[in-house]
Amino acid sequence: LIGIGIGVGYVGVTLYELRRDVLAGVFFVLLLAGLAAGFTEIVVFFGLAQPVEGFLSFAPGGQAEMTVLAIVAGADLGFVIVHHLTRIMVVITGAPIAARIFRVRERRREEDKA
């Protein structure tokens, strides 16, 4: 019944919409994984963490899931958790600031056009 309830929400979705959304999702997963790999290389280069710990610390995903992966992989749990908590705090505090900055820039562009 739960699956039917969820599936009903997708009635009428075209193949184009499905393809567009899936490709966008794949693109963002690859982009975020690439960024995580890049930051992992930096952290490992400076000797701040092992590769697995570095990747789990910067990889996108839920904190609970990354914590479980860190436990299973034998990574430094504190290192991974602190990085994810820091990421959450930066996003929570930084998103409103970034939104305000972008709105100000957008208003200036509109005023310049007028």
N, C-alpha and C. Protein backbone atom coordinates (compact mmCIF):
# COMPACT_ATOMS: atom_id res chain seq x y z
N LEU A 1 0.80 -1.20 0.00
CA LEU A 1 0.00 0.00 0.00
C LEU A 1 0.85 1.27 0.00
N ILE A 2 1.95 1.23 0.71
CA ILE A 2 2.82 2.41 0.75
C ILE A 2 3.38 2.68 -0.64
N GLY A 3 3.82 1.64 -1.33
CA GLY A 3 4.35 1.80 -2.68
C GLY A 3 3.32 2.35 -3.65
N ILE A 4 2.09 1.90 -3.51
CA ILE A 4 1.02 2.40 -4.37
C ILE A 4 0.80 3.88 -4.10
N GLY A 5 0.79 4.24 -2.83
CA GLY A 5 0.60 5.65 -2.46
C GLY A 5 1.69 6.54 -3.01
N ILE A 6 2.92 6.07 -2.97
CA ILE A 6 4.03 6.85 -3.51
C ILE A 6 3.96 6.89 -5.03
N GLY A 7 3.68 5.75 -5.65
CA GLY A 7 3.64 5.67 -7.11
C GLY A 7 2.56 6.53 -7.73
N VAL A 8 1.45 6.70 -7.06
CA VAL A 8 0.36 7.52 -7.58
C VAL A 8 0.81 8.96 -7.79
N GLY A 9 1.75 9.41 -6.98
CA GLY A 9 2.26 10.77 -7.14
C GLY A 9 3.02 10.99 -8.43
N TYR A 10 3.43 9.91 -9.08
CA TYR A 10 4.21 10.03 -10.32
C TYR A 10 3.39 9.79 -11.57
N VAL A 11 2.10 9.67 -11.45
CA VAL A 11 1.23 9.48 -12.61
C VAL A 11 1.30 10.74 -13.46
N GLY A 12 1.52 10.56 -14.75
CA GLY A 12 1.58 11.70 -15.66
C GLY A 12 2.97 12.24 -15.89
N VAL A 13 3.98 11.70 -15.23
CA VAL A 13 5.36 12.14 -15.46
C VAL A 13 5.81 11.62 -16.81
N THR A 14 6.33 12.51 -17.63
CA THR A 14 6.76 12.11 -18.97
C THR A 14 8.16 11.51 -18.92
N LEU A 15 8.50 10.80 -19.98
CA LEU A 15 9.83 10.21 -20.08
C LEU A 15 10.89 11.30 -20.11
N TYR A 16 10.59 12.43 -20.75
CA TYR A 16 11.53 13.56 -20.78
C TYR A 16 11.81 14.07 -19.37
N GLU A 17 10.76 14.25 -18.57
CA GLU A 17 10.94 14.74 -17.20
C GLU A 17 11.75 13.75 -16.37
N LEU A 18 11.44 12.48 -16.52
CA LEU A 18 12.16 11.44 -15.79
C LEU A 18 13.63 11.43 -16.18
N ARG A 19 13.91 11.47 -17.48
CA ARG A 19 15.29 11.47 -17.97
C ARG A 19 16.04 12.70 -17.46
N ARG A 20 15.41 13.87 -17.54
CA ARG A 20 16.04 15.12 -17.11
C ARG A 20 16.40 15.06 -15.63
N ASP A 21 15.47 14.60 -14.80
CA ASP A 21 15.70 14.57 -13.36
C ASP A 21 16.73 13.53 -12.97
N VAL A 22 16.68 12.36 -13.60
CA VAL A 22 17.65 11.32 -13.29
C VAL A 22 19.05 11.76 -13.71
N LEU A 23 19.17 12.35 -14.90
CA LEU A 23 20.48 12.81 -15.36
C LEU A 23 21.02 13.93 -14.47
N ALA A 24 20.15 14.83 -14.01
CA ALA A 24 20.58 15.88 -13.09
C ALA A 24 21.07 15.27 -11.79
N GLY A 25 20.36 14.26 -11.30
CA GLY A 25 20.78 13.58 -10.07
C GLY A 25 22.12 12.90 -10.22
N VAL A 26 22.31 12.20 -11.33
CA VAL A 26 23.60 11.53 -11.59
C VAL A 26 24.72 12.56 -11.69
N PHE A 27 24.46 13.67 -12.37
CA PHE A 27 25.47 14.73 -12.50
C PHE A 27 25.87 15.26 -11.13
N PHE A 28 24.90 15.55 -10.28
CA PHE A 28 25.23 16.11 -8.97
C PHE A 28 25.94 15.09 -8.08
N VAL A 29 25.57 13.82 -8.17
CA VAL A 29 26.27 12.79 -7.41
C VAL A 29 27.73 12.73 -7.84
N LEU A 30 27.97 12.73 -9.15
CA LEU A 30 29.35 12.69 -9.65
C LEU A 30 30.12 13.95 -9.27
N LEU A 31 29.46 15.10 -9.34
CA LEU A 31 30.10 16.36 -8.96
C LEU A 31 30.50 16.34 -7.48
N LEU A 32 29.58 15.95 -6.61
CA LEU A 32 29.87 15.94 -5.18
C LEU A 32 30.90 14.87 -4.83
N ALA A 33 30.85 13.72 -5.49
CA ALA A 33 31.86 12.69 -5.25
C ALA A 33 33.23 13.17 -5.71
N GLY A 34 33.28 13.89 -6.82
CA GLY A 34 34.54 14.46 -7.29
C GLY A 34 35.10 15.49 -6.32
N LEU A 35 34.23 16.35 -5.81
CA LEU A 35 34.67 17.33 -4.81
C LEU A 35 35.17 16.63 -3.55
N ALA A 36 34.46 15.60 -3.11
CA ALA A 36 34.89 14.84 -1.93
C ALA A 36 36.24 14.19 -2.18
N ALA A 37 36.43 13.64 -3.37
CA ALA A 37 37.72 13.02 -3.70
C ALA A 37 38.83 14.06 -3.73
N GLY A 38 38.54 15.25 -4.26
CA GLY A 38 39.53 16.32 -4.29
C GLY A 38 39.94 16.76 -2.90
N PHE A 39 38.97 16.97 -2.03
CA PHE A 39 39.29 17.36 -0.65
C PHE A 39 40.00 16.23 0.08
N THR A 40 39.64 14.98 -0.24
CA THR A 40 40.32 13.84 0.36
C THR A 40 41.80 13.85 -0.01
N GLU A 41 42.09 14.13 -1.28
CA GLU A 41 43.49 14.19 -1.72
C GLU A 41 44.26 15.26 -0.95
N ILE A 42 43.64 16.41 -0.73
CA ILE A 42 44.29 17.50 0.01
C ILE A 42 44.57 17.07 1.44
N VAL A 43 43.57 16.48 2.09
CA VAL A 43 43.72 16.06 3.48
C VAL A 43 44.79 14.98 3.61
N VAL A 44 44.79 14.03 2.71
CA VAL A 44 45.78 12.95 2.74
C VAL A 44 47.17 13.51 2.44
N PHE A 45 47.27 14.43 1.49
CA PHE A 45 48.56 15.03 1.12
C PHE A 45 49.21 15.69 2.33
N PHE A 46 48.42 16.40 3.12
CA PHE A 46 48.96 17.07 4.30
C PHE A 46 49.07 16.16 5.51
N GLY A 47 48.71 14.90 5.35
CA GLY A 47 48.84 13.93 6.43
C GLY A 47 47.84 14.11 7.56
N LEU A 48 46.70 14.70 7.26
CA LEU A 48 45.71 14.97 8.30
C LEU A 48 44.77 13.79 8.55
N ALA A 49 44.67 12.89 7.58
CA ALA A 49 43.78 11.73 7.73
C ALA A 49 44.14 10.66 6.72
N GLN A 50 43.65 9.47 6.98
CA GLN A 50 43.79 8.38 6.03
C GLN A 50 42.76 8.57 4.91
N PRO A 51 42.97 7.95 3.75
CA PRO A 51 42.05 8.16 2.63
C PRO A 51 40.58 7.82 2.93
N VAL A 52 40.33 6.71 3.61
CA VAL A 52 38.95 6.33 3.89
C VAL A 52 38.29 7.35 4.80
N GLU A 53 39.00 7.77 5.84
CA GLU A 53 38.45 8.78 6.76
C GLU A 53 38.19 10.09 6.04
N GLY A 54 39.14 10.48 5.20
CA GLY A 54 38.98 11.73 4.46
C GLY A 54 37.78 11.70 3.54
N PHE A 55 37.62 10.60 2.80
CA PHE A 55 36.50 10.52 1.87
C PHE A 55 35.17 10.48 2.61
N LEU A 56 35.08 9.69 3.67
CA LEU A 56 33.83 9.62 4.43
C LEU A 56 33.50 10.96 5.09
N SER A 57 34.51 11.73 5.41
CA SER A 57 34.29 13.03 6.04
C SER A 57 33.71 14.05 5.07
N PHE A 58 34.11 13.98 3.82
CA PHE A 58 33.68 14.98 2.84
C PHE A 58 32.60 14.47 1.89
N ALA A 59 32.30 13.19 1.93
CA ALA A 59 31.31 12.62 1.02
C ALA A 59 29.91 13.11 1.39
N PRO A 60 29.09 13.38 0.37
CA PRO A 60 27.72 13.79 0.67
C PRO A 60 26.92 12.61 1.19
N GLY A 61 26.05 12.89 2.09
CA GLY A 61 25.20 11.84 2.65
C GLY A 61 24.76 12.20 4.04
N GLY A 62 23.87 11.43 4.57
CA GLY A 62 23.38 11.68 5.92
C GLY A 62 24.43 11.36 6.96
N GLN A 63 24.35 12.08 8.06
CA GLN A 63 25.33 11.86 9.12
C GLN A 63 25.22 10.45 9.68
N ALA A 64 24.02 9.96 9.86
CA ALA A 64 23.85 8.62 10.41
C ALA A 64 24.45 7.56 9.48
N GLU A 65 24.23 7.72 8.19
CA GLU A 65 24.76 6.75 7.24
C GLU A 65 26.28 6.78 7.20
N MET A 66 26.85 7.98 7.21
CA MET A 66 28.31 8.09 7.18
C MET A 66 28.92 7.58 8.48
N THR A 67 28.21 7.74 9.59
CA THR A 67 28.69 7.21 10.87
C THR A 67 28.74 5.69 10.82
N VAL A 68 27.70 5.07 10.29
CA VAL A 68 27.67 3.61 10.17
C VAL A 68 28.78 3.15 9.24
N LEU A 69 28.97 3.83 8.11
CA LEU A 69 30.05 3.46 7.19
C LEU A 69 31.41 3.61 7.86
N ALA A 70 31.59 4.66 8.66
CA ALA A 70 32.87 4.86 9.35
C ALA A 70 33.12 3.73 10.35
N ILE A 71 32.09 3.31 11.06
CA ILE A 71 32.25 2.20 12.00
C ILE A 71 32.62 0.92 11.26
N VAL A 72 31.90 0.63 10.18
CA VAL A 72 32.16 -0.59 9.41
C VAL A 72 33.56 -0.56 8.79
N ALA A 73 33.99 0.62 8.30
CA ALA A 73 35.30 0.73 7.65
C ALA A 73 36.44 0.83 8.65
N GLY A 74 36.12 1.01 9.92
CA GLY A 74 37.16 1.14 10.93
C GLY A 74 37.84 2.50 10.89
N ALA A 75 37.15 3.50 10.37
CA ALA A 75 37.70 4.86 10.28
C ALA A 75 37.56 5.56 11.63
N ASP A 76 38.27 6.68 11.77
CA ASP A 76 38.20 7.49 12.98
C ASP A 76 36.81 8.12 13.05
N LEU A 77 35.99 7.61 13.94
CA LEU A 77 34.60 8.03 14.03
C LEU A 77 34.47 9.51 14.39
N GLY A 78 35.29 9.97 15.31
CA GLY A 78 35.24 11.38 15.72
C GLY A 78 35.55 12.31 14.57
N PHE A 79 36.54 11.97 13.77
CA PHE A 79 36.93 12.79 12.63
C PHE A 79 35.78 12.93 11.63
N VAL A 80 35.14 11.82 11.33
CA VAL A 80 34.04 11.82 10.36
C VAL A 80 32.85 12.60 10.91
N ILE A 81 32.48 12.37 12.16
CA ILE A 81 31.32 13.04 12.74
C ILE A 81 31.54 14.54 12.85
N VAL A 82 32.72 14.95 13.29
CA VAL A 82 32.99 16.39 13.43
C VAL A 82 32.88 17.09 12.07
N HIS A 83 33.39 16.46 11.02
CA HIS A 83 33.30 17.08 9.70
C HIS A 83 31.85 17.19 9.22
N HIS A 84 31.05 16.17 9.48
CA HIS A 84 29.65 16.25 9.05
C HIS A 84 28.86 17.25 9.88
N LEU A 85 29.13 17.32 11.17
CA LEU A 85 28.45 18.33 12.00
C LEU A 85 28.85 19.74 11.57
N THR A 86 30.12 19.92 11.24
CA THR A 86 30.59 21.22 10.76
C THR A 86 29.92 21.58 9.44
N ARG A 87 29.80 20.60 8.57
CA ARG A 87 29.13 20.84 7.28
C ARG A 87 27.69 21.27 7.49
N ILE A 88 27.00 20.59 8.40
CA ILE A 88 25.61 20.93 8.68
C ILE A 88 25.51 22.35 9.22
N MET A 89 26.39 22.71 10.14
CA MET A 89 26.36 24.06 10.72
C MET A 89 26.67 25.12 9.67
N VAL A 90 27.63 24.86 8.81
CA VAL A 90 27.98 25.82 7.76
C VAL A 90 26.80 26.01 6.80
N VAL A 91 26.14 24.93 6.44
CA VAL A 91 25.00 25.04 5.53
C VAL A 91 23.84 25.78 6.20
N ILE A 92 23.56 25.45 7.45
CA ILE A 92 22.44 26.10 8.14
C ILE A 92 22.68 27.59 8.32
N THR A 93 23.91 27.97 8.65
CA THR A 93 24.20 29.40 8.83
C THR A 93 24.53 30.09 7.52
N GLY A 94 25.13 29.39 6.59
CA GLY A 94 25.57 30.02 5.35
C GLY A 94 24.51 30.15 4.28
N ALA A 95 23.54 29.26 4.26
CA ALA A 95 22.51 29.30 3.21
C ALA A 95 21.70 30.60 3.25
N PRO A 96 21.22 31.05 4.40
CA PRO A 96 20.48 32.32 4.41
C PRO A 96 21.34 33.51 3.99
N ILE A 97 22.60 33.49 4.38
CA ILE A 97 23.51 34.58 4.00
C ILE A 97 23.71 34.58 2.49
N ALA A 98 23.97 33.40 1.93
CA ALA A 98 24.16 33.30 0.48
C ALA A 98 22.89 33.70 -0.27
N ALA A 99 21.73 33.29 0.23
CA ALA A 99 20.48 33.65 -0.42
C ALA A 99 20.29 35.16 -0.42
N ARG A 100 20.61 35.80 0.69
CA ARG A 100 20.47 37.25 0.77
C ARG A 100 21.43 37.94 -0.20
N ILE A 101 22.66 37.46 -0.27
CA ILE A 101 23.65 38.06 -1.18
C ILE A 101 23.19 37.93 -2.63
N PHE A 102 22.70 36.75 -3.00
CA PHE A 102 22.25 36.55 -4.38
C PHE A 102 21.02 37.38 -4.70
N ARG A 103 20.13 37.57 -3.72
CA ARG A 103 18.96 38.42 -3.95
C ARG A 103 19.37 39.86 -4.18
N VAL A 104 20.35 40.34 -3.40
CA VAL A 104 20.84 41.72 -3.56
C VAL A 104 21.44 41.89 -4.95
N ARG A 105 22.24 40.95 -5.39
CA ARG A 105 22.84 41.04 -6.73
C ARG A 105 21.77 41.01 -7.81
N GLU A 106 20.76 40.17 -7.62
CA GLU A 106 19.69 40.07 -8.60
C GLU A 106 18.92 41.39 -8.68
N ARG A 107 18.66 42.00 -7.53
CA ARG A 107 17.96 43.29 -7.53
C ARG A 107 18.78 44.36 -8.24
N ARG A 108 20.08 44.36 -8.01
CA ARG A 108 20.95 45.35 -8.66
C ARG A 108 20.91 45.18 -10.18
N ARG A 109 20.92 43.94 -10.64
CA ARG A 109 20.85 43.69 -12.08
C ARG A 109 19.53 44.19 -12.66
N GLU A 110 18.45 43.96 -11.93
CA GLU A 110 17.14 44.41 -12.39
C GLU A 110 17.07 45.93 -12.42
N GLU A 111 17.68 46.59 -11.42
CA GLU A 111 17.69 48.06 -11.38
C GLU A 111 18.53 48.62 -12.52
N ASP A 112 19.63 47.96 -12.83
CA ASP A 112 20.49 48.42 -13.93
C ASP A 112 19.79 48.30 -15.28
N LYS A 113 18.95 47.28 -15.43
CA LYS A 113 18.22 47.08 -16.68
C LYS A 113 17.13 48.13 -16.86
N ALA A 114 16.58 48.58 -15.74
CA ALA A 114 15.44 49.53 -15.82
C ALA A 114 15.85 50.93 -16.14
